[in-house]
Amino acid sequence: MSDKERDEVRQRRHKPVELDDIDRKILRELAKDASQSYAELSQSVHLSTAAVHDRVKRLKRDEVITGTVARLDGCKLGRTLLTFVLVDTSSYAATRELLAFNVRPDVEEIHSVAGDSSVMIKVRANDTESLEAFLMEVQRLEGVRSVRSYIALSTFLERGPIPD
C-alpha cells in the first residue's frame, strides 16, 4: 500500500459516522460480548432480528465495527511481560520502517504519537530475553535515535472504545 493510499484510508477511518441511540446500544452490547447472536441483540435493543442484522451490516460497511476477535489472556499464552516501547526516530521514513514489526505476534499495537517520541509499540513478550531481543532489533534500525521501554506491573483496565 502506498503512502497516499494509507493517508486516504486514515482520513476515511477518522471521519465520524452518524450513530443513533440504537446503534450505540448495539455497539455497547457487542463490546461486552461480540459472540451474541442477532436474536440476543434484538432482545437487548428491542428491534427485530432482521433490523439488528441490517444495522450491524451497515456498521461493518461503515467500518465502525472493524472486526470481531476473541480477547486472549497474554499470561495464559506465556506472554507475561507487557511492555510499552517508545521510539524516537530522526525522520518520517525511519518511523515508517517500524511498521514492519506489525507481523510479529508479540507486537499488539503500533501508534504514531506526539511528544518526546515518534512511535509507541505495545509488546507482549514471553520473558526478558525475548524483550531484549526485540529492543535490539528496534535499535538496529537506521534512523532510530532512542528507545525507552516501560514494563507494566499490573493491568487494571484494558478494552477498546465504548460508545457514549
N, C-alpha and C. Protein backbone atom coordinates (compact mmCIF):
# COMPACT_ATOMS: atom_id res chain seq x y z
N MET A 1 0.85 -1.17 0.00
CA MET A 1 0.00 0.00 0.00
C MET A 1 0.90 1.24 0.00
N SER A 2 0.64 2.17 -0.87
CA SER A 2 1.44 3.39 -0.96
C SER A 2 1.10 4.33 0.19
N ASP A 3 1.99 5.32 0.40
CA ASP A 3 1.75 6.32 1.44
C ASP A 3 0.46 7.07 1.18
N LYS A 4 0.18 7.38 -0.09
CA LYS A 4 -1.03 8.11 -0.45
C LYS A 4 -2.27 7.28 -0.10
N GLU A 5 -2.24 5.99 -0.44
CA GLU A 5 -3.38 5.11 -0.12
C GLU A 5 -3.57 5.00 1.39
N ARG A 6 -2.45 4.90 2.13
CA ARG A 6 -2.54 4.82 3.60
C ARG A 6 -3.17 6.08 4.18
N ASP A 7 -2.77 7.24 3.63
CA ASP A 7 -3.33 8.51 4.10
C ASP A 7 -4.83 8.59 3.82
N GLU A 8 -5.26 8.10 2.65
CA GLU A 8 -6.69 8.10 2.31
C GLU A 8 -7.46 7.19 3.26
N VAL A 9 -6.90 6.02 3.56
CA VAL A 9 -7.55 5.09 4.50
C VAL A 9 -7.64 5.74 5.88
N ARG A 10 -6.56 6.41 6.31
CA ARG A 10 -6.55 7.07 7.62
C ARG A 10 -7.62 8.15 7.69
N GLN A 11 -7.74 8.95 6.62
CA GLN A 11 -8.74 10.02 6.60
C GLN A 11 -10.14 9.43 6.66
N ARG A 12 -10.39 8.36 5.91
CA ARG A 12 -11.71 7.73 5.91
C ARG A 12 -12.00 7.11 7.28
N ARG A 13 -10.98 6.51 7.89
CA ARG A 13 -11.16 5.85 9.18
C ARG A 13 -11.47 6.86 10.28
N HIS A 14 -10.90 8.05 10.20
CA HIS A 14 -11.08 9.04 11.26
C HIS A 14 -12.32 9.91 11.06
N LYS A 15 -13.02 9.75 9.97
CA LYS A 15 -14.24 10.53 9.74
C LYS A 15 -15.36 9.91 10.58
N PRO A 16 -15.94 10.67 11.50
CA PRO A 16 -17.01 10.12 12.35
C PRO A 16 -18.23 9.68 11.52
N VAL A 17 -18.88 8.65 11.99
CA VAL A 17 -20.10 8.13 11.38
C VAL A 17 -21.27 8.51 12.28
N GLU A 18 -22.37 8.91 11.68
CA GLU A 18 -23.54 9.25 12.49
C GLU A 18 -24.15 7.98 13.06
N LEU A 19 -24.33 7.99 14.37
CA LEU A 19 -24.92 6.85 15.09
C LEU A 19 -26.11 7.33 15.89
N ASP A 20 -27.19 6.55 15.86
CA ASP A 20 -28.32 6.89 16.73
C ASP A 20 -28.20 6.08 18.02
N ASP A 21 -29.17 6.27 18.91
CA ASP A 21 -29.11 5.61 20.22
C ASP A 21 -29.13 4.09 20.10
N ILE A 22 -29.87 3.57 19.13
CA ILE A 22 -29.93 2.10 18.95
C ILE A 22 -28.59 1.57 18.46
N ASP A 23 -27.96 2.27 17.51
CA ASP A 23 -26.63 1.88 17.05
C ASP A 23 -25.67 1.81 18.23
N ARG A 24 -25.71 2.84 19.08
CA ARG A 24 -24.81 2.90 20.22
C ARG A 24 -25.09 1.75 21.20
N LYS A 25 -26.35 1.43 21.38
CA LYS A 25 -26.69 0.33 22.29
C LYS A 25 -26.20 -1.01 21.71
N ILE A 26 -26.36 -1.19 20.41
CA ILE A 26 -25.85 -2.41 19.75
C ILE A 26 -24.34 -2.50 19.95
N LEU A 27 -23.65 -1.40 19.73
CA LEU A 27 -22.20 -1.39 19.87
C LEU A 27 -21.76 -1.66 21.31
N ARG A 28 -22.48 -1.09 22.29
CA ARG A 28 -22.17 -1.37 23.70
C ARG A 28 -22.33 -2.86 24.00
N GLU A 29 -23.41 -3.44 23.49
CA GLU A 29 -23.65 -4.86 23.72
C GLU A 29 -22.56 -5.72 23.08
N LEU A 30 -22.20 -5.38 21.85
CA LEU A 30 -21.16 -6.14 21.16
C LEU A 30 -19.79 -5.96 21.82
N ALA A 31 -19.54 -4.77 22.37
CA ALA A 31 -18.27 -4.53 23.07
C ALA A 31 -18.19 -5.40 24.32
N LYS A 32 -19.32 -5.64 24.96
CA LYS A 32 -19.35 -6.52 26.14
C LYS A 32 -19.16 -7.98 25.74
N ASP A 33 -19.85 -8.40 24.66
CA ASP A 33 -19.80 -9.80 24.23
C ASP A 33 -20.13 -9.87 22.74
N ALA A 34 -19.09 -9.95 21.93
CA ALA A 34 -19.27 -9.95 20.47
C ALA A 34 -19.80 -11.28 19.94
N SER A 35 -19.91 -12.28 20.80
CA SER A 35 -20.41 -13.58 20.33
C SER A 35 -21.93 -13.68 20.40
N GLN A 36 -22.61 -12.62 20.82
CA GLN A 36 -24.07 -12.65 20.90
C GLN A 36 -24.67 -12.84 19.51
N SER A 37 -25.73 -13.60 19.46
CA SER A 37 -26.45 -13.78 18.20
C SER A 37 -27.30 -12.54 17.92
N TYR A 38 -27.75 -12.42 16.67
CA TYR A 38 -28.63 -11.31 16.32
C TYR A 38 -29.93 -11.39 17.12
N ALA A 39 -30.39 -12.58 17.41
CA ALA A 39 -31.61 -12.74 18.21
C ALA A 39 -31.41 -12.20 19.62
N GLU A 40 -30.25 -12.50 20.22
CA GLU A 40 -29.96 -11.99 21.56
C GLU A 40 -29.84 -10.46 21.54
N LEU A 41 -29.16 -9.94 20.53
CA LEU A 41 -29.02 -8.49 20.40
C LEU A 41 -30.39 -7.83 20.22
N SER A 42 -31.24 -8.47 19.43
CA SER A 42 -32.55 -7.88 19.17
C SER A 42 -33.37 -7.75 20.45
N GLN A 43 -33.23 -8.69 21.37
CA GLN A 43 -33.92 -8.60 22.65
C GLN A 43 -33.38 -7.44 23.48
N SER A 44 -32.06 -7.23 23.43
CA SER A 44 -31.44 -6.16 24.21
C SER A 44 -31.84 -4.77 23.72
N VAL A 45 -32.01 -4.63 22.41
CA VAL A 45 -32.27 -3.29 21.85
C VAL A 45 -33.73 -3.12 21.40
N HIS A 46 -34.53 -4.15 21.58
CA HIS A 46 -35.97 -4.10 21.28
C HIS A 46 -36.25 -3.80 19.80
N LEU A 47 -35.52 -4.51 18.94
CA LEU A 47 -35.76 -4.46 17.49
C LEU A 47 -35.87 -5.88 16.98
N SER A 48 -36.36 -6.03 15.76
CA SER A 48 -36.42 -7.36 15.16
C SER A 48 -35.00 -7.85 14.86
N THR A 49 -34.87 -9.15 14.75
CA THR A 49 -33.57 -9.74 14.41
C THR A 49 -33.08 -9.23 13.07
N ALA A 50 -33.99 -9.11 12.10
CA ALA A 50 -33.61 -8.62 10.77
C ALA A 50 -33.11 -7.18 10.83
N ALA A 51 -33.76 -6.34 11.63
CA ALA A 51 -33.35 -4.95 11.75
C ALA A 51 -31.97 -4.84 12.41
N VAL A 52 -31.72 -5.66 13.41
CA VAL A 52 -30.41 -5.66 14.07
C VAL A 52 -29.35 -6.13 13.08
N HIS A 53 -29.67 -7.18 12.33
CA HIS A 53 -28.73 -7.69 11.33
C HIS A 53 -28.37 -6.60 10.32
N ASP A 54 -29.37 -5.87 9.84
CA ASP A 54 -29.12 -4.79 8.88
C ASP A 54 -28.24 -3.69 9.48
N ARG A 55 -28.51 -3.36 10.74
CA ARG A 55 -27.71 -2.31 11.39
C ARG A 55 -26.26 -2.76 11.58
N VAL A 56 -26.07 -3.98 12.02
CA VAL A 56 -24.70 -4.49 12.21
C VAL A 56 -23.97 -4.54 10.87
N LYS A 57 -24.68 -4.96 9.83
CA LYS A 57 -24.10 -5.00 8.48
C LYS A 57 -23.65 -3.59 8.05
N ARG A 58 -24.48 -2.58 8.33
CA ARG A 58 -24.15 -1.19 7.99
C ARG A 58 -22.97 -0.71 8.82
N LEU A 59 -22.93 -1.06 10.11
CA LEU A 59 -21.83 -0.65 10.98
C LEU A 59 -20.51 -1.27 10.52
N LYS A 60 -20.57 -2.48 9.98
CA LYS A 60 -19.37 -3.10 9.42
C LYS A 60 -18.98 -2.42 8.12
N ARG A 61 -19.95 -2.15 7.27
CA ARG A 61 -19.68 -1.48 5.99
C ARG A 61 -19.05 -0.11 6.21
N ASP A 62 -19.55 0.62 7.23
CA ASP A 62 -19.04 1.95 7.54
C ASP A 62 -17.76 1.90 8.38
N GLU A 63 -17.28 0.71 8.64
CA GLU A 63 -16.04 0.45 9.39
C GLU A 63 -16.08 0.98 10.82
N VAL A 64 -17.29 1.05 11.39
CA VAL A 64 -17.41 1.31 12.82
C VAL A 64 -17.01 0.03 13.55
N ILE A 65 -17.50 -1.10 13.05
CA ILE A 65 -17.06 -2.42 13.52
C ILE A 65 -16.00 -2.87 12.53
N THR A 66 -14.77 -3.00 13.00
CA THR A 66 -13.66 -3.33 12.10
C THR A 66 -13.26 -4.79 12.17
N GLY A 67 -13.87 -5.53 13.06
CA GLY A 67 -13.56 -6.95 13.18
C GLY A 67 -14.18 -7.51 14.43
N THR A 68 -14.22 -8.81 14.51
CA THR A 68 -14.72 -9.48 15.70
C THR A 68 -13.62 -10.44 16.13
N VAL A 69 -13.11 -10.23 17.33
CA VAL A 69 -11.98 -11.02 17.80
C VAL A 69 -12.25 -11.53 19.21
N ALA A 70 -11.51 -12.56 19.58
CA ALA A 70 -11.54 -13.04 20.96
C ALA A 70 -10.43 -12.31 21.72
N ARG A 71 -10.73 -11.79 22.90
CA ARG A 71 -9.69 -11.20 23.74
C ARG A 71 -8.99 -12.34 24.47
N LEU A 72 -7.71 -12.44 24.28
CA LEU A 72 -6.94 -13.54 24.85
C LEU A 72 -6.12 -13.05 26.03
N ASP A 73 -5.90 -13.92 26.99
CA ASP A 73 -5.09 -13.61 28.16
C ASP A 73 -3.63 -13.89 27.82
N GLY A 74 -2.84 -12.82 27.70
CA GLY A 74 -1.43 -12.96 27.32
C GLY A 74 -0.65 -13.83 28.28
N CYS A 75 -0.90 -13.71 29.57
CA CYS A 75 -0.18 -14.50 30.55
C CYS A 75 -0.43 -15.99 30.37
N LYS A 76 -1.68 -16.34 30.07
CA LYS A 76 -2.01 -17.75 29.90
C LYS A 76 -1.44 -18.31 28.60
N LEU A 77 -1.05 -17.41 27.69
CA LEU A 77 -0.39 -17.82 26.45
C LEU A 77 1.13 -17.82 26.59
N GLY A 78 1.61 -17.51 27.80
CA GLY A 78 3.04 -17.50 28.04
C GLY A 78 3.70 -16.16 27.78
N ARG A 79 2.93 -15.15 27.42
CA ARG A 79 3.49 -13.81 27.18
C ARG A 79 3.20 -12.94 28.42
N THR A 80 4.06 -13.08 29.40
CA THR A 80 3.80 -12.48 30.71
C THR A 80 4.35 -11.07 30.86
N LEU A 81 5.15 -10.61 29.89
CA LEU A 81 5.82 -9.32 30.03
C LEU A 81 5.20 -8.30 29.08
N LEU A 82 4.29 -7.48 29.61
CA LEU A 82 3.65 -6.42 28.84
C LEU A 82 4.50 -5.17 28.92
N THR A 83 4.90 -4.66 27.76
CA THR A 83 5.82 -3.53 27.71
C THR A 83 5.35 -2.51 26.68
N PHE A 84 5.47 -1.25 27.03
CA PHE A 84 5.22 -0.16 26.09
C PHE A 84 6.58 0.40 25.70
N VAL A 85 6.87 0.37 24.41
CA VAL A 85 8.17 0.79 23.90
C VAL A 85 7.99 2.11 23.16
N LEU A 86 8.72 3.13 23.60
CA LEU A 86 8.66 4.44 22.96
C LEU A 86 9.93 4.62 22.14
N VAL A 87 9.74 4.93 20.85
CA VAL A 87 10.87 5.03 19.92
C VAL A 87 10.91 6.44 19.35
N ASP A 88 12.08 7.06 19.42
CA ASP A 88 12.27 8.37 18.79
C ASP A 88 13.09 8.15 17.53
N THR A 89 12.59 8.67 16.42
CA THR A 89 13.27 8.50 15.14
C THR A 89 13.72 9.84 14.59
N SER A 90 14.64 9.79 13.64
CA SER A 90 15.18 11.02 13.06
C SER A 90 14.41 11.49 11.84
N SER A 91 13.50 10.64 11.32
CA SER A 91 12.76 11.03 10.12
C SER A 91 11.47 10.23 10.01
N TYR A 92 10.61 10.73 9.14
CA TYR A 92 9.35 10.03 8.88
C TYR A 92 9.63 8.66 8.24
N ALA A 93 10.64 8.59 7.39
CA ALA A 93 10.99 7.32 6.74
C ALA A 93 11.40 6.29 7.79
N ALA A 94 12.16 6.71 8.79
CA ALA A 94 12.56 5.79 9.86
C ALA A 94 11.34 5.35 10.66
N THR A 95 10.42 6.27 10.89
CA THR A 95 9.19 5.93 11.60
C THR A 95 8.41 4.87 10.82
N ARG A 96 8.32 5.03 9.49
CA ARG A 96 7.59 4.07 8.64
C ARG A 96 8.23 2.68 8.70
N GLU A 97 9.55 2.62 8.89
CA GLU A 97 10.25 1.33 8.98
C GLU A 97 9.73 0.49 10.14
N LEU A 98 9.31 1.16 11.19
CA LEU A 98 8.82 0.45 12.38
C LEU A 98 7.52 -0.31 12.10
N LEU A 99 6.81 0.08 11.04
CA LEU A 99 5.57 -0.63 10.69
C LEU A 99 5.82 -2.08 10.31
N ALA A 100 7.04 -2.41 9.92
CA ALA A 100 7.37 -3.79 9.56
C ALA A 100 7.20 -4.74 10.75
N PHE A 101 7.20 -4.19 11.96
CA PHE A 101 7.04 -5.03 13.15
C PHE A 101 5.60 -5.50 13.33
N ASN A 102 4.68 -5.02 12.51
CA ASN A 102 3.27 -5.40 12.67
C ASN A 102 3.01 -6.88 12.42
N VAL A 103 3.94 -7.59 11.81
CA VAL A 103 3.74 -9.02 11.54
C VAL A 103 4.17 -9.91 12.71
N ARG A 104 4.81 -9.33 13.69
CA ARG A 104 5.29 -10.11 14.84
C ARG A 104 4.13 -10.41 15.79
N PRO A 105 4.00 -11.65 16.24
CA PRO A 105 2.90 -11.99 17.15
C PRO A 105 3.02 -11.32 18.52
N ASP A 106 4.23 -10.91 18.92
CA ASP A 106 4.39 -10.27 20.22
C ASP A 106 4.07 -8.78 20.19
N VAL A 107 3.89 -8.21 18.99
CA VAL A 107 3.52 -6.80 18.85
C VAL A 107 2.01 -6.71 18.74
N GLU A 108 1.39 -6.03 19.69
CA GLU A 108 -0.07 -5.90 19.71
C GLU A 108 -0.56 -4.60 19.11
N GLU A 109 0.20 -3.53 19.25
CA GLU A 109 -0.24 -2.21 18.75
C GLU A 109 0.98 -1.41 18.34
N ILE A 110 0.80 -0.56 17.33
CA ILE A 110 1.82 0.40 16.92
C ILE A 110 1.10 1.73 16.70
N HIS A 111 1.59 2.78 17.38
CA HIS A 111 0.95 4.09 17.28
C HIS A 111 1.98 5.16 16.95
N SER A 112 1.63 6.07 16.05
CA SER A 112 2.39 7.29 15.87
C SER A 112 1.92 8.23 16.97
N VAL A 113 2.87 8.84 17.70
CA VAL A 113 2.49 9.64 18.86
C VAL A 113 3.14 11.02 18.82
N ALA A 114 2.55 11.96 19.53
CA ALA A 114 3.11 13.29 19.71
C ALA A 114 3.84 13.30 21.04
N GLY A 115 4.86 14.13 21.13
CA GLY A 115 5.60 14.25 22.38
C GLY A 115 7.07 13.96 22.17
N ASP A 116 7.71 13.37 23.16
CA ASP A 116 9.15 13.12 23.11
C ASP A 116 9.52 11.96 22.20
N SER A 117 8.55 11.16 21.79
CA SER A 117 8.81 10.00 20.94
C SER A 117 8.00 10.11 19.66
N SER A 118 8.37 9.28 18.70
CA SER A 118 7.66 9.25 17.42
C SER A 118 6.64 8.13 17.36
N VAL A 119 6.99 7.00 17.97
CA VAL A 119 6.17 5.79 17.87
C VAL A 119 6.07 5.13 19.24
N MET A 120 4.89 4.57 19.53
CA MET A 120 4.71 3.75 20.72
C MET A 120 4.28 2.37 20.26
N ILE A 121 4.97 1.36 20.76
CA ILE A 121 4.68 -0.04 20.39
C ILE A 121 4.30 -0.79 21.66
N LYS A 122 3.18 -1.48 21.60
CA LYS A 122 2.75 -2.33 22.72
C LYS A 122 3.23 -3.75 22.40
N VAL A 123 4.08 -4.27 23.27
CA VAL A 123 4.69 -5.58 23.07
C VAL A 123 4.33 -6.48 24.24
N ARG A 124 3.95 -7.71 23.93
CA ARG A 124 3.70 -8.70 24.99
C ARG A 124 4.69 -9.84 24.75
N ALA A 125 5.78 -9.81 25.51
CA ALA A 125 6.88 -10.75 25.32
C ALA A 125 6.78 -11.94 26.29
N ASN A 126 7.46 -13.02 25.91
CA ASN A 126 7.49 -14.22 26.75
C ASN A 126 8.31 -14.01 28.02
N ASP A 127 9.42 -13.29 27.89
CA ASP A 127 10.35 -13.12 29.02
C ASP A 127 11.27 -11.95 28.72
N THR A 128 12.16 -11.66 29.66
CA THR A 128 13.06 -10.52 29.48
C THR A 128 14.03 -10.73 28.32
N GLU A 129 14.41 -11.97 28.07
CA GLU A 129 15.33 -12.23 26.97
C GLU A 129 14.68 -11.92 25.62
N SER A 130 13.44 -12.32 25.44
CA SER A 130 12.77 -12.03 24.17
C SER A 130 12.47 -10.53 24.04
N LEU A 131 12.19 -9.86 25.15
CA LEU A 131 12.00 -8.41 25.09
C LEU A 131 13.31 -7.73 24.71
N GLU A 132 14.40 -8.17 25.30
CA GLU A 132 15.71 -7.59 24.98
C GLU A 132 16.04 -7.78 23.50
N ALA A 133 15.75 -8.96 22.96
CA ALA A 133 16.00 -9.21 21.53
C ALA A 133 15.16 -8.27 20.67
N PHE A 134 13.90 -8.06 21.05
CA PHE A 134 13.03 -7.13 20.32
C PHE A 134 13.61 -5.72 20.35
N LEU A 135 14.01 -5.27 21.54
CA LEU A 135 14.55 -3.92 21.69
C LEU A 135 15.82 -3.74 20.84
N MET A 136 16.65 -4.76 20.77
CA MET A 136 17.86 -4.68 19.96
C MET A 136 17.52 -4.57 18.47
N GLU A 137 16.48 -5.30 18.04
CA GLU A 137 16.04 -5.19 16.65
C GLU A 137 15.61 -3.77 16.32
N VAL A 138 14.85 -3.17 17.22
CA VAL A 138 14.39 -1.80 17.01
C VAL A 138 15.59 -0.85 16.97
N GLN A 139 16.51 -1.00 17.91
CA GLN A 139 17.66 -0.10 18.00
C GLN A 139 18.57 -0.19 16.77
N ARG A 140 18.58 -1.35 16.11
CA ARG A 140 19.43 -1.53 14.93
C ARG A 140 18.90 -0.80 13.69
N LEU A 141 17.65 -0.40 13.69
CA LEU A 141 17.09 0.28 12.53
C LEU A 141 17.77 1.63 12.32
N GLU A 142 18.08 1.92 11.07
CA GLU A 142 18.68 3.22 10.75
C GLU A 142 17.67 4.32 11.02
N GLY A 143 18.11 5.36 11.68
CA GLY A 143 17.24 6.48 11.97
C GLY A 143 16.58 6.43 13.34
N VAL A 144 16.81 5.36 14.09
CA VAL A 144 16.28 5.28 15.45
C VAL A 144 17.25 6.00 16.38
N ARG A 145 16.77 7.05 17.03
CA ARG A 145 17.63 7.85 17.92
C ARG A 145 17.64 7.31 19.35
N SER A 146 16.46 6.91 19.83
CA SER A 146 16.41 6.39 21.20
C SER A 146 15.22 5.45 21.35
N VAL A 147 15.36 4.56 22.31
CA VAL A 147 14.30 3.59 22.63
C VAL A 147 14.17 3.56 24.15
N ARG A 148 12.95 3.74 24.62
CA ARG A 148 12.66 3.63 26.05
C ARG A 148 11.56 2.60 26.21
N SER A 149 11.63 1.83 27.26
CA SER A 149 10.59 0.82 27.48
C SER A 149 10.04 0.94 28.90
N TYR A 150 8.75 0.69 28.99
CA TYR A 150 8.04 0.74 30.26
C TYR A 150 7.30 -0.58 30.44
N ILE A 151 7.71 -1.32 31.44
CA ILE A 151 7.10 -2.63 31.71
C ILE A 151 5.91 -2.43 32.64
N ALA A 152 4.76 -2.97 32.23
CA ALA A 152 3.55 -2.90 33.06
C ALA A 152 3.65 -3.94 34.18
N LEU A 153 3.44 -3.50 35.39
CA LEU A 153 3.46 -4.42 36.53
C LEU A 153 2.09 -5.04 36.74
N SER A 154 1.05 -4.24 36.58
CA SER A 154 -0.33 -4.72 36.71
C SER A 154 -1.18 -4.01 35.67
N THR A 155 -2.21 -4.69 35.21
CA THR A 155 -3.16 -4.08 34.28
C THR A 155 -4.51 -4.03 34.97
N PHE A 156 -5.02 -2.81 35.14
CA PHE A 156 -6.29 -2.64 35.82
C PHE A 156 -7.45 -2.51 34.84
N LEU A 157 -7.17 -2.04 33.64
CA LEU A 157 -8.21 -1.89 32.63
C LEU A 157 -7.58 -1.99 31.25
N GLU A 158 -8.16 -2.80 30.41
CA GLU A 158 -7.71 -2.93 29.03
C GLU A 158 -8.94 -3.26 28.19
N ARG A 159 -9.32 -2.31 27.33
CA ARG A 159 -10.50 -2.52 26.50
C ARG A 159 -10.45 -1.60 25.30
N GLY A 160 -11.32 -1.84 24.36
CA GLY A 160 -11.46 -0.96 23.21
C GLY A 160 -12.44 0.14 23.52
N PRO A 161 -12.71 0.98 22.54
CA PRO A 161 -13.66 2.09 22.76
C PRO A 161 -15.08 1.58 23.00
N ILE A 162 -15.80 2.32 23.81
CA ILE A 162 -17.22 2.05 24.08
C ILE A 162 -17.98 3.30 23.73
N PRO A 163 -19.05 3.19 22.92
CA PRO A 163 -19.79 4.39 22.53
C PRO A 163 -20.48 5.05 23.73
N ASP A 164 -20.62 6.38 23.65
CA ASP A 164 -21.30 7.13 24.71
C ASP A 164 -22.74 6.71 24.83
